[in-house]
Amino acid sequence: MWIGSVRDNKNKPLDVQWTKTVKILGIYFAYEEKEVINLNYNDRIRSLECTLNLWKQRDLTAIGKILVIKTFGLSKLLYTSAMIGMPLSIQKKVNDIIYKFIWNGPDKIKRSVLCRELDEGGLKMVDLQAKIKTQSVMWLKRLIMPNKSGWKSILIFYLRNLGGTGILECNFDFRTLSGIIPPFYLNAFKLWSKFNSGEPKNAIEVCKQVIWNNKRTS
C-alpha cells in the first residue's frame, strides 16, 4: 500500500501484491475516509443487530437488556471507535438499534435519563457519545504520560512547531491545528480545548495562564 505523497502511485514493484487497504489489529485502513468507515463499521453493526435479535427471544428486563448491550453488544464497536473514532451518523444508527432493543419499539423515557445512576432514576445505560469523547481525550492523556511508545513520536512530530506536548498546558484554539494534525487527533484536541478553556475567575488565575498558544492573546 503506497502512502504519503506517493499514495496514487500505480506501480507494483518487488513482485508482491499491492492493495489499497490494510488491516492492522482488526482495523481497516484505506485512503478514503468513507471507505474506512464502511469497512470497519458495516459488518460490526450487522453483528450487533444479530446479537441483539438472538437475545430478543428471552424475556429480559430493561436492566438485563442493558447488561447484554454492555457485555456482548458494544465491545467491538467501542474498540473500533477507540482506534479510528466514530462519526455522528454511525453513533445515531447504533443508538437507534440498542434503544429499540431495550424498549421493543420507540423510547419510553429520555435516553439521558436512562444513562443516569440508579439513585438518580436511571439504569446506568452506556452514554455512547460521552464514551467516545472520553476515548478520544484519553489519547492525549496517554501522550503526556512518561512511558515511551512509537505512536507518540508521530503526533509529537506534528506538534513540533507548537511546543510539542506543552500545548496541552495552554488555552489554545483547536482551529489553529486544522490542517496540521490528522482529523482523528484534531477531534481529541477539540475536546481537550473545550474541557480546558474555562474563563479565569480572578487575577491569580489570569497570571497562571500560559501566554503561548493562548487564544485570548493576539
Protein backbone atom coordinates (compact mmCIF):
# COMPACT_ATOMS: atom_id res chain seq x y z
CA MET A 1 0.00 0.00 0.00
CA TRP A 2 1.50 3.31 -1.11
CA ILE A 3 1.19 6.09 1.48
CA GLY A 4 2.01 9.77 1.82
CA SER A 5 2.82 11.82 -1.27
CA VAL A 6 3.02 8.67 -3.42
CA ARG A 7 -0.39 7.30 -2.44
CA ASP A 8 -1.60 7.49 -6.07
CA ASN A 9 1.38 5.57 -7.42
CA LYS A 10 0.16 2.72 -9.61
CA ASN A 11 3.50 0.91 -9.87
CA LYS A 12 3.70 -2.58 -8.34
CA PRO A 13 7.38 -3.32 -7.73
CA LEU A 14 9.05 -6.23 -5.90
CA ASP A 15 6.67 -8.75 -7.44
CA VAL A 16 4.28 -8.60 -4.46
CA GLN A 17 0.55 -7.99 -4.24
CA TRP A 18 -0.24 -4.31 -3.66
CA THR A 19 -3.52 -3.20 -2.11
CA LYS A 20 -5.42 -0.02 -1.34
CA THR A 21 -6.49 -1.22 2.09
CA VAL A 22 -4.67 -2.83 5.01
CA LYS A 23 -5.93 -4.47 8.18
CA ILE A 24 -3.96 -3.98 11.40
CA LEU A 25 -5.13 -5.44 14.73
CA GLY A 26 -8.64 -5.87 13.38
CA ILE A 27 -8.93 -2.33 11.99
CA TYR A 28 -9.04 -1.50 8.29
CA PHE A 29 -7.11 1.48 6.92
CA ALA A 30 -7.66 2.95 3.47
CA TYR A 31 -7.17 6.19 1.53
CA GLU A 32 -10.78 7.41 1.65
CA GLU A 33 -12.49 8.13 4.97
CA LYS A 34 -15.84 6.81 3.71
CA GLU A 35 -14.26 3.51 2.79
CA VAL A 36 -12.59 3.26 6.21
CA ILE A 37 -15.94 3.79 7.92
CA ASN A 38 -17.73 1.25 5.72
CA LEU A 39 -15.06 -1.42 6.12
CA ASN A 40 -14.88 -1.06 9.88
CA TYR A 41 -18.47 -0.44 10.87
CA ASN A 42 -20.87 -2.11 8.42
CA ASP A 43 -20.09 -5.69 9.50
CA ARG A 44 -19.89 -4.75 13.18
CA ILE A 45 -23.29 -3.07 13.07
CA ARG A 46 -24.79 -6.14 11.40
CA SER A 47 -23.16 -8.29 14.09
CA LEU A 48 -24.69 -6.04 16.77
CA GLU A 49 -28.15 -6.43 15.24
CA CYS A 50 -27.79 -10.23 15.01
CA THR A 51 -26.62 -10.47 18.63
CA LEU A 52 -29.48 -8.37 19.96
CA ASN A 53 -32.03 -10.26 17.83
CA LEU A 54 -30.91 -13.51 19.47
CA TRP A 55 -31.43 -12.02 22.92
CA LYS A 56 -34.84 -10.63 21.98
CA GLN A 57 -36.23 -14.17 22.29
CA ARG A 58 -35.63 -14.05 26.04
CA ASP A 59 -37.92 -12.24 28.43
CA LEU A 60 -35.33 -9.82 29.81
CA THR A 61 -35.91 -6.77 31.94
CA ALA A 62 -34.58 -3.39 30.85
CA ILE A 63 -31.65 -3.83 33.24
CA GLY A 64 -30.94 -7.26 31.75
CA LYS A 65 -31.01 -5.87 28.23
CA ILE A 66 -28.60 -3.10 29.20
CA LEU A 67 -26.24 -5.72 30.61
CA VAL A 68 -26.41 -7.62 27.31
CA ILE A 69 -25.65 -4.42 25.40
CA LYS A 70 -22.64 -3.65 27.58
CA THR A 71 -21.29 -7.22 27.56
CA PHE A 72 -21.99 -8.50 24.06
CA GLY A 73 -23.25 -5.58 22.01
CA LEU A 74 -20.86 -2.66 22.14
CA SER A 75 -17.43 -4.15 22.86
CA LYS A 76 -16.30 -4.50 19.22
CA LEU A 77 -17.75 -1.12 18.26
CA LEU A 78 -16.04 0.65 21.14
CA TYR A 79 -12.72 -0.99 20.29
CA THR A 80 -13.09 0.34 16.75
CA SER A 81 -14.10 3.83 17.87
CA ALA A 82 -11.05 3.99 20.16
CA MET A 83 -8.83 3.37 17.12
CA ILE A 84 -10.46 5.50 14.41
CA GLY A 85 -13.29 7.41 16.06
CA MET A 86 -16.98 7.06 15.25
CA PRO A 87 -18.91 9.54 13.04
CA LEU A 88 -22.12 11.00 14.43
CA SER A 89 -24.12 9.21 11.73
CA ILE A 90 -22.82 5.84 12.97
CA GLN A 91 -23.41 6.83 16.60
CA LYS A 92 -27.04 7.64 15.76
CA LYS A 93 -27.50 4.34 13.95
CA VAL A 94 -26.03 2.34 16.84
CA ASN A 95 -28.10 4.24 19.42
CA ASP A 96 -31.30 3.62 17.43
CA ILE A 97 -30.54 -0.12 17.35
CA ILE A 98 -29.74 -0.53 21.04
CA TYR A 99 -32.59 1.62 22.35
CA LYS A 100 -35.09 -0.15 20.10
CA PHE A 101 -33.82 -3.39 21.65
CA ILE A 102 -34.32 -2.04 25.18
CA TRP A 103 -37.88 -0.79 24.63
CA ASN A 104 -39.07 -3.15 21.85
CA GLY A 105 -40.01 -0.03 19.90
CA PRO A 106 -39.96 3.74 20.48
CA ASP A 107 -38.21 5.18 23.54
CA LYS A 108 -40.35 5.32 26.67
CA ILE A 109 -38.14 7.69 28.65
CA LYS A 110 -35.42 10.14 27.67
CA ARG A 111 -32.12 8.48 26.82
CA SER A 112 -30.21 10.91 29.02
CA VAL A 113 -32.32 9.76 31.98
CA LEU A 114 -31.62 6.09 31.25
CA CYS A 115 -27.87 6.80 31.39
CA ARG A 116 -28.04 8.14 34.94
CA GLU A 117 -27.09 6.23 38.06
CA LEU A 118 -29.73 4.10 39.78
CA ASP A 119 -30.12 6.53 42.67
CA GLU A 120 -30.76 9.30 40.13
CA GLY A 121 -33.61 7.45 38.44
CA GLY A 122 -31.56 5.87 35.65
CA LEU A 123 -30.43 2.35 34.76
CA LYS A 124 -26.71 3.03 34.15
CA MET A 125 -27.05 2.70 30.40
CA VAL A 126 -23.94 3.48 28.35
CA ASP A 127 -23.86 7.07 27.09
CA LEU A 128 -22.31 6.24 23.71
CA GLN A 129 -21.39 9.78 22.75
CA ALA A 130 -19.78 10.51 26.13
CA LYS A 131 -17.90 7.20 25.98
CA ILE A 132 -16.45 8.00 22.57
CA LYS A 133 -15.45 11.51 23.66
CA THR A 134 -13.66 10.02 26.66
CA GLN A 135 -11.82 7.57 24.42
CA SER A 136 -10.66 10.44 22.23
CA VAL A 137 -9.38 12.59 25.11
CA MET A 138 -7.60 9.61 26.65
CA TRP A 139 -5.21 9.54 23.68
CA LEU A 140 -3.90 12.95 24.75
CA LYS A 141 -3.69 11.84 28.37
CA ARG A 142 -1.57 8.88 27.25
CA LEU A 143 0.55 11.24 25.15
CA ILE A 144 1.77 13.18 28.19
CA MET A 145 2.43 10.10 30.30
CA PRO A 146 6.17 9.35 30.79
CA ASN A 147 6.22 5.89 29.17
CA LYS A 148 7.70 5.62 25.69
CA SER A 149 5.62 4.48 22.72
CA GLY A 150 6.13 4.63 18.97
CA TRP A 151 2.80 6.28 18.17
CA LYS A 152 3.72 9.27 20.34
CA SER A 153 6.62 10.15 18.04
CA ILE A 154 4.22 10.68 15.14
CA LEU A 155 1.94 13.10 16.99
CA ILE A 156 4.86 14.95 18.60
CA PHE A 157 6.30 15.43 15.10
CA TYR A 158 3.09 17.17 14.03
CA LEU A 159 3.26 19.39 17.15
CA ARG A 160 6.96 20.22 16.81
CA ASN A 161 6.31 23.88 15.86
CA LEU A 162 3.63 24.36 18.52
CA GLY A 163 5.61 23.50 21.64
CA GLY A 164 5.17 19.74 21.46
CA THR A 165 3.08 18.25 24.25
CA GLY A 166 3.37 21.59 26.08
CA ILE A 167 0.44 22.82 24.01
CA LEU A 168 -1.83 20.77 26.25
CA GLU A 169 -1.00 23.16 29.10
CA CYS A 170 -2.12 26.13 27.00
CA ASN A 171 -5.54 27.63 26.45
CA PHE A 172 -5.24 27.02 22.71
CA ASP A 173 -7.73 27.40 19.89
CA PHE A 174 -8.08 23.94 18.33
CA ARG A 175 -8.91 25.53 14.96
CA THR A 176 -5.26 26.60 14.62
CA LEU A 177 -4.40 22.89 14.42
CA SER A 178 -6.66 22.24 11.42
CA GLY A 179 -4.54 21.04 8.52
CA ILE A 180 -1.56 20.45 10.81
CA ILE A 181 -2.57 17.24 12.55
CA PRO A 182 -4.73 14.30 11.33
CA PRO A 183 -8.53 14.64 11.83
CA PHE A 184 -8.59 11.86 14.43
CA TYR A 185 -6.25 13.78 16.73
CA LEU A 186 -7.79 17.13 15.82
CA ASN A 187 -11.06 15.94 17.33
CA ALA A 188 -9.20 14.94 20.50
CA PHE A 189 -7.63 18.39 20.75
CA LYS A 190 -11.02 19.98 20.15
CA LEU A 191 -12.50 18.11 23.12
CA TRP A 192 -9.43 18.81 25.28
CA SER A 193 -9.71 22.53 24.48
CA LYS A 194 -13.40 22.54 25.33
CA PHE A 195 -12.83 20.98 28.77
CA ASN A 196 -9.79 23.14 29.47
CA SER A 197 -11.00 26.56 28.36
CA GLY A 198 -12.73 27.92 31.44
CA GLU A 199 -12.64 31.68 31.93
CA PRO A 200 -10.13 32.86 34.58
CA LYS A 201 -12.10 33.97 37.63
CA ASN A 202 -9.55 36.23 39.28
CA ALA A 203 -6.14 37.86 38.86
CA ILE A 204 -4.31 34.83 40.25
CA GLU A 205 -5.86 32.54 37.64
CA VAL A 206 -5.07 35.08 34.92
CA CYS A 207 -1.41 35.07 35.96
CA LYS A 208 -1.34 31.28 35.74
CA GLN A 209 -2.38 31.37 32.09
CA VAL A 210 0.31 30.33 29.60
CA ILE A 211 0.89 33.17 27.12
CA TRP A 212 1.98 30.98 24.23
CA ASN A 213 -0.74 29.32 22.14
CA ASN A 214 -3.34 31.24 24.14
CA LYS A 215 -6.48 32.03 22.21
CA ARG A 216 -7.10 35.09 24.41
CA THR A 217 -3.88 36.78 23.32
CA SER A 218 -3.36 38.37 19.94
